[in-house]
Amino acid sequence: MNWSDFRHLLHECAEKSGEEWMTHACLKNELKHHAGQLIECEHSPSLMMHYCFQKEKTVMLRAEMDGLCIQEKTGLDYCSKNDVRMHACGHDGHMTILCRISELLSAVDDFPVNVLLVFQSSEETGAGALDIIMNQDFLKICPDEAIALHVMPQLKKGFYTKKGVICAGGKEVDLLMKGEASHCALLNKEEDALRKAMHFLCELDHQAWKSGFVSFNVCHGGNARNQTADHCLLEGTVRFLEASCESELLHWISSHLPKDSSAKFSMGYPVLINHGKMSEIAIRCGCTEIKDPLWICDDFAFYAQRIPSVYVLMGMESEFPLHHPCFDFDDDLIEMGSDFLMKFLQLI
């Protein structure tokens, strides 16, 4: 298999979280030729591939399937064919790495551990991991440990991890400010929903938390340029490195809401904490240990809450960051990433 071509095929069919059925079909069409047990998940595009070598330990490898709601601007021959859908987070590369591992495992009669390859839907919404965790086939296989790779364009080529907290937890937050519509010449400032939002954001701008932050990046409000706004919706995110900071941030938001306002929080992601022993094995495999955790979120944290897990960053040296409309995965990382994971599996 030419794995670069396969990755390009996945890139072309980027899909929204929970709707990755074209991606499901591409993966299934490839994996059905491999030696493992292909497991489809009921009512979900997610897939699993189980390699049972009759060993005591089973190790899970996770790759995400979903794209982002971004209009691609790479100009590549294999640019996404789906409007406002793009693989701008490297998930096409992560899936391809696991497919190559499946091919490598198909070629051996024995291996040190059993392996469960999880191709997971809906990482970007945080729902996909929980669906897998509750899946009956997953519970029956019951993996003992887990590892996931994630490309990181700002790092030099190589592998990176750290013990303990490696990624932030996070929640999405929507704030709805309500006001009263009237002619702007009446100067009814106190009932202007946009002004309420501005005052809230100014207060927020003067806050600083050691282990977290709140950021609002979308604002919808008002109906006409000469009318005070009767509504204003702020859409943002809360990020935290400790559970206690999460509580502090949510309390601050709730206690500083203007009159006639409401807050809605998503379920979100927990803090992603690497297991000590698993991190040490990754470091033995060639990972450079980083000092500071990242402010990104990943629902791999749900697996890490339940079984010893390690999250490994894969440097790429790209000029474009994740979620940029010009980002593209580096095909050289397919072999590099799968070789790293095979080494990890044999050391564990």
Protein backbone atom coordinates (compact mmCIF):
# COMPACT_ATOMS: atom_id res chain seq x y z
CA MET A 1 0.00 0.00 0.00
CA ASN A 2 1.18 3.50 -0.80
CA TRP A 3 0.31 5.09 2.52
CA SER A 4 0.78 8.65 1.29
CA ASP A 5 -1.92 8.06 -1.33
CA PHE A 6 -4.18 6.55 1.31
CA ARG A 7 -3.68 9.55 3.59
CA HIS A 8 -4.55 11.86 0.70
CA LEU A 9 -7.75 9.88 0.13
CA LEU A 10 -8.73 10.39 3.78
CA HIS A 11 -7.82 14.08 3.49
CA GLU A 12 -10.19 14.51 0.55
CA CYS A 13 -13.19 13.19 2.48
CA ALA A 14 -12.82 15.28 5.66
CA GLU A 15 -16.09 15.20 7.59
CA LYS A 16 -17.73 16.79 10.61
CA SER A 17 -17.70 15.05 14.01
CA GLY A 18 -20.24 12.23 14.14
CA GLU A 19 -20.72 12.21 10.37
CA GLU A 20 -17.51 10.44 9.28
CA TRP A 21 -19.22 7.77 7.17
CA MET A 22 -17.12 8.30 4.02
CA THR A 23 -14.02 8.02 6.23
CA HIS A 24 -15.53 4.90 7.80
CA ALA A 25 -15.96 3.38 4.32
CA CYS A 26 -12.37 4.19 3.31
CA LEU A 27 -10.97 2.65 6.48
CA LYS A 28 -13.19 -0.42 6.26
CA ASN A 29 -12.27 -1.00 2.63
CA GLU A 30 -8.59 -1.10 3.61
CA LEU A 31 -8.80 -2.89 6.95
CA LYS A 32 -10.96 -5.74 5.65
CA HIS A 33 -7.85 -7.00 3.82
CA HIS A 34 -5.85 -7.16 7.07
CA ALA A 35 -5.60 -10.12 9.42
CA GLY A 36 -7.16 -8.64 12.57
CA GLN A 37 -10.77 -8.69 13.72
CA LEU A 38 -12.62 -5.69 12.29
CA ILE A 39 -15.24 -4.37 14.70
CA GLU A 40 -17.88 -1.85 13.69
CA CYS A 41 -19.61 0.26 16.33
CA GLU A 42 -23.40 0.39 16.33
CA HIS A 43 -24.83 3.83 15.42
CA SER A 44 -21.32 5.32 15.12
CA PRO A 45 -18.74 5.71 12.32
CA SER A 46 -16.02 4.51 14.74
CA LEU A 47 -14.13 1.30 13.94
CA MET A 48 -11.85 -1.00 15.92
CA MET A 49 -9.27 -3.53 14.77
CA HIS A 50 -8.33 -6.25 17.27
CA TYR A 51 -5.16 -8.32 17.04
CA CYS A 52 -5.28 -11.12 19.61
CA PHE A 53 -1.95 -12.95 19.99
CA GLN A 54 -3.16 -14.82 23.10
CA LYS A 55 -1.13 -12.62 25.43
CA GLU A 56 -2.14 -11.44 28.89
CA LYS A 57 -1.87 -7.71 28.12
CA THR A 58 -3.81 -5.69 25.53
CA VAL A 59 -2.62 -2.23 24.49
CA MET A 60 -4.93 0.26 22.79
CA LEU A 61 -3.82 2.75 20.11
CA ARG A 62 -6.20 5.61 19.28
CA ALA A 63 -6.58 7.70 16.12
CA GLU A 64 -9.27 10.34 15.54
CA MET A 65 -11.49 10.36 12.45
CA ASP A 66 -13.17 13.77 12.37
CA GLY A 67 -12.25 16.89 10.46
CA LEU A 68 -12.97 20.52 11.28
CA CYS A 69 -15.56 22.99 9.97
CA ILE A 70 -12.91 25.03 8.13
CA GLN A 71 -12.74 26.01 4.46
CA GLU A 72 -9.46 24.55 3.19
CA LYS A 73 -7.03 26.91 1.44
CA THR A 74 -4.04 24.62 0.84
CA GLY A 75 -4.53 24.43 -2.94
CA LEU A 76 -3.42 20.78 -2.84
CA ASP A 77 -4.40 18.28 -5.53
CA TYR A 78 -6.02 16.24 -2.77
CA CYS A 79 -7.78 19.19 -1.14
CA SER A 80 -10.98 18.36 0.76
CA LYS A 81 -13.92 17.70 -1.55
CA ASN A 82 -16.39 18.62 1.20
CA ASP A 83 -17.23 22.30 1.56
CA VAL A 84 -16.21 23.84 4.90
CA ARG A 85 -14.74 20.53 6.03
CA MET A 86 -11.00 20.04 6.44
CA HIS A 87 -8.41 17.84 8.12
CA ALA A 88 -6.57 20.72 9.77
CA CYS A 89 -5.61 18.82 12.92
CA GLY A 90 -3.67 15.89 11.45
CA HIS A 91 -6.33 13.25 12.01
CA ASP A 92 -5.92 11.95 8.44
CA GLY A 93 -2.26 11.25 9.28
CA HIS A 94 -3.08 9.66 12.64
CA MET A 95 -5.53 7.23 10.98
CA THR A 96 -2.99 6.33 8.30
CA ILE A 97 -0.34 5.57 10.93
CA LEU A 98 -2.69 3.10 12.61
CA CYS A 99 -3.57 1.52 9.26
CA ARG A 100 0.13 0.93 8.57
CA ILE A 101 0.49 -0.64 12.02
CA SER A 102 -2.43 -2.91 11.17
CA GLU A 103 -0.60 -3.97 8.01
CA LEU A 104 2.59 -4.66 9.98
CA LEU A 105 0.72 -6.70 12.59
CA SER A 106 -0.99 -8.69 9.83
CA ALA A 107 2.43 -9.89 8.71
CA VAL A 108 3.44 -11.48 12.05
CA ASP A 109 2.29 -14.69 13.76
CA ASP A 110 3.37 -13.62 17.22
CA PHE A 111 3.72 -10.35 19.13
CA PRO A 112 4.51 -9.38 22.75
CA VAL A 113 1.01 -7.97 23.42
CA ASN A 114 -2.50 -8.02 22.02
CA VAL A 115 -3.30 -4.79 20.17
CA LEU A 116 -6.56 -2.87 19.82
CA LEU A 117 -6.55 -0.16 17.15
CA VAL A 118 -9.32 2.38 17.76
CA PHE A 119 -10.42 4.66 14.93
CA GLN A 120 -12.57 7.08 16.87
CA SER A 121 -15.27 9.43 15.70
CA SER A 122 -15.98 12.85 17.22
CA GLU A 123 -12.78 13.77 19.06
CA GLU A 124 -13.35 17.46 18.33
CA THR A 125 -16.63 17.43 20.29
CA GLY A 126 -15.42 15.27 23.18
CA ALA A 127 -18.18 12.70 22.65
CA GLY A 128 -16.27 10.05 20.70
CA ALA A 129 -14.12 8.65 23.50
CA LEU A 130 -17.08 8.15 25.81
CA ASP A 131 -18.96 6.27 23.09
CA ILE A 132 -16.00 3.90 22.68
CA ILE A 133 -15.57 3.44 26.43
CA MET A 134 -19.22 2.33 26.73
CA ASN A 135 -19.04 0.07 23.65
CA GLN A 136 -19.68 -3.57 24.55
CA ASP A 137 -16.89 -4.92 22.33
CA PHE A 138 -14.44 -2.46 23.88
CA LEU A 139 -15.53 -3.50 27.38
CA LYS A 140 -15.13 -7.17 26.46
CA ILE A 141 -11.61 -6.67 25.09
CA CYS A 142 -10.84 -4.40 28.07
CA PRO A 143 -7.45 -2.92 27.10
CA ASP A 144 -4.93 -2.63 29.93
CA GLU A 145 -3.02 0.41 28.64
CA ALA A 146 -3.33 3.05 25.93
CA ILE A 147 -1.23 5.37 23.78
CA ALA A 148 -2.06 8.11 21.28
CA LEU A 149 0.08 10.23 18.97
CA HIS A 150 -0.76 13.79 17.97
CA VAL A 151 1.08 15.90 15.42
CA MET A 152 2.40 19.22 16.72
CA PRO A 153 3.55 21.56 13.89
CA GLN A 154 5.52 24.01 16.05
CA LEU A 155 7.91 21.30 17.30
CA LYS A 156 10.97 19.97 15.47
CA LYS A 157 10.61 16.52 13.94
CA GLY A 158 10.72 13.94 16.69
CA PHE A 159 8.62 12.72 19.60
CA TYR A 160 7.80 14.51 22.83
CA THR A 161 5.94 13.77 26.05
CA LYS A 162 5.92 14.53 29.75
CA LYS A 163 4.92 12.80 32.96
CA GLY A 164 1.76 13.99 34.66
CA VAL A 165 -0.43 16.71 33.14
CA ILE A 166 0.30 17.09 29.41
CA CYS A 167 -2.90 18.75 28.11
CA ALA A 168 -5.47 21.07 29.60
CA GLY A 169 -9.05 20.26 30.35
CA GLY A 170 -11.65 22.48 28.78
CA LYS A 171 -15.29 23.42 28.36
CA GLU A 172 -17.14 25.45 25.77
CA VAL A 173 -19.19 28.30 27.19
CA ASP A 174 -22.01 30.37 25.70
CA LEU A 175 -23.10 33.56 27.43
CA LEU A 176 -26.43 35.12 26.42
CA MET A 177 -26.82 38.77 27.42
CA LYS A 178 -30.36 40.17 27.19
CA GLY A 179 -31.26 43.84 26.75
CA GLU A 180 -34.00 46.09 25.46
CA ALA A 181 -34.22 47.31 21.88
CA SER A 182 -34.77 51.05 21.46
CA HIS A 183 -33.55 53.93 19.29
CA CYS A 184 -29.87 54.54 20.01
CA ALA A 185 -30.57 58.30 20.36
CA LEU A 186 -32.45 57.59 23.58
CA LEU A 187 -29.08 56.59 25.13
CA ASN A 188 -30.60 53.67 27.02
CA LYS A 189 -27.13 52.30 27.74
CA GLU A 190 -28.00 50.18 30.76
CA GLU A 191 -30.32 47.98 28.69
CA ASP A 192 -27.95 47.58 25.73
CA ALA A 193 -26.93 43.90 25.56
CA LEU A 194 -23.78 44.72 23.60
CA ARG A 195 -22.64 47.13 26.31
CA LYS A 196 -23.30 44.46 28.93
CA ALA A 197 -21.07 42.10 26.96
CA MET A 198 -18.35 44.76 26.63
CA HIS A 199 -18.34 45.44 30.37
CA PHE A 200 -18.15 41.71 31.11
CA LEU A 201 -15.20 41.27 28.71
CA CYS A 202 -13.40 44.26 30.22
CA GLU A 203 -13.72 42.74 33.69
CA LEU A 204 -12.49 39.41 32.33
CA ASP A 205 -9.49 41.10 30.72
CA HIS A 206 -8.26 42.18 34.16
CA GLN A 207 -8.36 38.64 35.56
CA ALA A 208 -5.38 36.27 35.70
CA TRP A 209 -5.38 32.67 36.85
CA LYS A 210 -2.24 30.60 37.38
CA SER A 211 -3.65 27.36 36.01
CA GLY A 212 -6.36 28.41 33.60
CA PHE A 213 -7.94 31.03 31.36
CA VAL A 214 -11.23 32.07 29.77
CA SER A 215 -11.37 33.27 26.17
CA PHE A 216 -14.36 34.51 24.13
CA ASN A 217 -13.74 34.59 20.40
CA VAL A 218 -17.20 34.87 18.79
CA CYS A 219 -19.80 37.60 19.34
CA HIS A 220 -23.31 37.83 17.84
CA GLY A 221 -25.56 40.71 18.81
CA GLY A 222 -27.87 43.49 17.75
CA ASN A 223 -30.24 43.92 14.83
CA ALA A 224 -29.60 47.41 13.40
CA ARG A 225 -26.89 50.07 13.57
CA ASN A 226 -29.26 52.69 15.05
CA GLN A 227 -30.91 50.42 17.63
CA THR A 228 -29.67 49.23 21.02
CA ALA A 229 -29.12 45.49 21.12
CA ASP A 230 -31.76 43.31 22.73
CA HIS A 231 -29.41 40.33 22.75
CA CYS A 232 -25.73 39.45 22.57
CA LEU A 233 -24.27 35.95 22.45
CA LEU A 234 -20.62 35.38 23.42
CA GLU A 235 -19.07 32.04 22.48
CA GLY A 236 -15.87 31.01 24.19
CA THR A 237 -13.78 28.39 25.93
CA VAL A 238 -12.54 27.69 29.43
CA ARG A 239 -9.16 25.95 29.85
CA PHE A 240 -7.63 24.62 33.06
CA LEU A 241 -4.74 22.44 34.25
CA GLU A 242 -6.31 21.53 37.60
CA ALA A 243 -9.84 20.54 38.59
CA SER A 244 -9.84 23.18 41.33
CA CYS A 245 -9.11 25.86 38.73
CA GLU A 246 -12.05 24.65 36.65
CA SER A 247 -14.38 25.29 39.58
CA GLU A 248 -12.83 28.71 40.16
CA LEU A 249 -13.24 29.77 36.52
CA LEU A 250 -16.86 28.61 36.25
CA HIS A 251 -17.72 30.33 39.53
CA TRP A 252 -16.14 33.60 38.35
CA ILE A 253 -18.16 33.55 35.11
CA SER A 254 -21.43 32.75 36.87
CA SER A 255 -20.92 35.38 39.58
CA HIS A 256 -20.00 38.18 37.13
CA LEU A 257 -22.86 37.76 34.68
CA PRO A 258 -24.85 40.95 34.06
CA LYS A 259 -28.54 41.16 34.93
CA ASP A 260 -30.84 39.07 32.70
CA SER A 261 -27.94 36.96 31.41
CA SER A 262 -27.37 33.21 31.34
CA ALA A 263 -24.42 30.84 30.90
CA LYS A 264 -24.37 27.44 29.22
CA PHE A 265 -21.38 25.11 29.64
CA SER A 266 -20.57 22.01 27.58
CA MET A 267 -19.59 18.69 29.18
CA GLY A 268 -16.05 19.35 27.96
CA TYR A 269 -12.79 17.48 28.40
CA PRO A 270 -10.96 16.50 31.59
CA VAL A 271 -7.29 17.31 32.14
CA LEU A 272 -5.12 14.79 30.26
CA ILE A 273 -2.69 13.16 32.71
CA ASN A 274 0.07 10.85 31.48
CA HIS A 275 0.83 7.75 33.54
CA GLY A 276 4.35 7.69 34.98
CA LYS A 277 5.40 4.22 33.83
CA MET A 278 3.88 4.69 30.38
CA SER A 279 5.68 8.02 30.01
CA GLU A 280 8.98 6.39 30.97
CA ILE A 281 8.54 3.75 28.25
CA ALA A 282 7.81 6.47 25.70
CA ILE A 283 10.98 8.29 26.77
CA ARG A 284 12.95 5.04 26.39
CA CYS A 285 11.55 4.84 22.85
CA GLY A 286 13.12 8.21 22.01
CA CYS A 287 10.69 10.83 23.33
CA THR A 288 12.13 14.13 24.47
CA GLU A 289 10.62 15.17 27.79
CA ILE A 290 8.98 18.60 27.66
CA LYS A 291 8.62 20.87 30.67
CA ASP A 292 5.26 22.58 30.27
CA PRO A 293 1.81 21.16 29.48
CA LEU A 294 -0.14 22.29 26.43
CA TRP A 295 -3.35 24.31 26.52
CA ILE A 296 -4.98 22.13 23.86
CA CYS A 297 -7.69 19.61 24.85
CA ASP A 298 -8.08 16.01 23.70
CA ASP A 299 -10.74 13.49 24.65
CA PHE A 300 -8.00 10.87 24.98
CA ALA A 301 -8.14 12.19 28.57
CA PHE A 302 -11.25 10.05 29.14
CA TYR A 303 -9.25 6.88 28.42
CA ALA A 304 -6.42 8.15 30.64
CA GLN A 305 -8.89 8.49 33.52
CA ARG A 306 -9.61 4.77 33.31
CA ILE A 307 -6.42 2.99 32.23
CA PRO A 308 -2.68 3.81 32.32
CA SER A 309 -2.10 5.95 29.23
CA VAL A 310 0.45 8.16 27.51
CA TYR A 311 -0.10 10.96 25.01
CA VAL A 312 2.86 11.59 22.69
CA LEU A 313 3.43 14.65 20.54
CA MET A 314 4.93 14.26 17.07
CA GLY A 315 6.91 17.27 15.84
CA MET A 316 6.50 18.41 12.23
CA GLU A 317 8.15 21.86 11.81
CA SER A 318 5.31 23.40 9.79
CA GLU A 319 4.87 27.12 9.21
CA PHE A 320 1.11 26.65 9.73
CA PRO A 321 -0.37 25.77 13.14
CA LEU A 322 -3.13 23.28 13.82
CA HIS A 323 -6.61 24.44 12.72
CA HIS A 324 -5.08 26.75 10.07
CA PRO A 325 -6.77 26.60 6.62
CA CYS A 326 -3.34 25.94 5.01
CA PHE A 327 -2.20 23.18 7.39
CA ASP A 328 -1.36 19.76 5.93
CA PHE A 329 0.10 16.65 7.56
CA ASP A 330 3.66 15.68 6.59
CA ASP A 331 3.62 12.26 4.87
CA ASP A 332 7.13 11.50 6.18
CA LEU A 333 5.55 11.13 9.61
CA ILE A 334 3.49 8.10 8.56
CA GLU A 335 6.42 5.68 8.64
CA MET A 336 8.12 7.59 11.44
CA GLY A 337 5.01 7.50 13.66
CA SER A 338 4.11 3.86 13.02
CA ASP A 339 7.71 2.71 13.63
CA PHE A 340 7.70 4.59 16.95
CA LEU A 341 4.45 2.93 18.03
CA MET A 342 5.66 -0.54 17.01
CA LYS A 343 8.79 0.00 19.09
CA PHE A 344 6.65 1.16 22.02
CA LEU A 345 4.43 -1.92 21.78
CA GLN A 346 7.44 -4.24 21.86
CA LEU A 347 8.95 -2.51 24.90
CA ILE A 348 5.79 -2.35 26.98
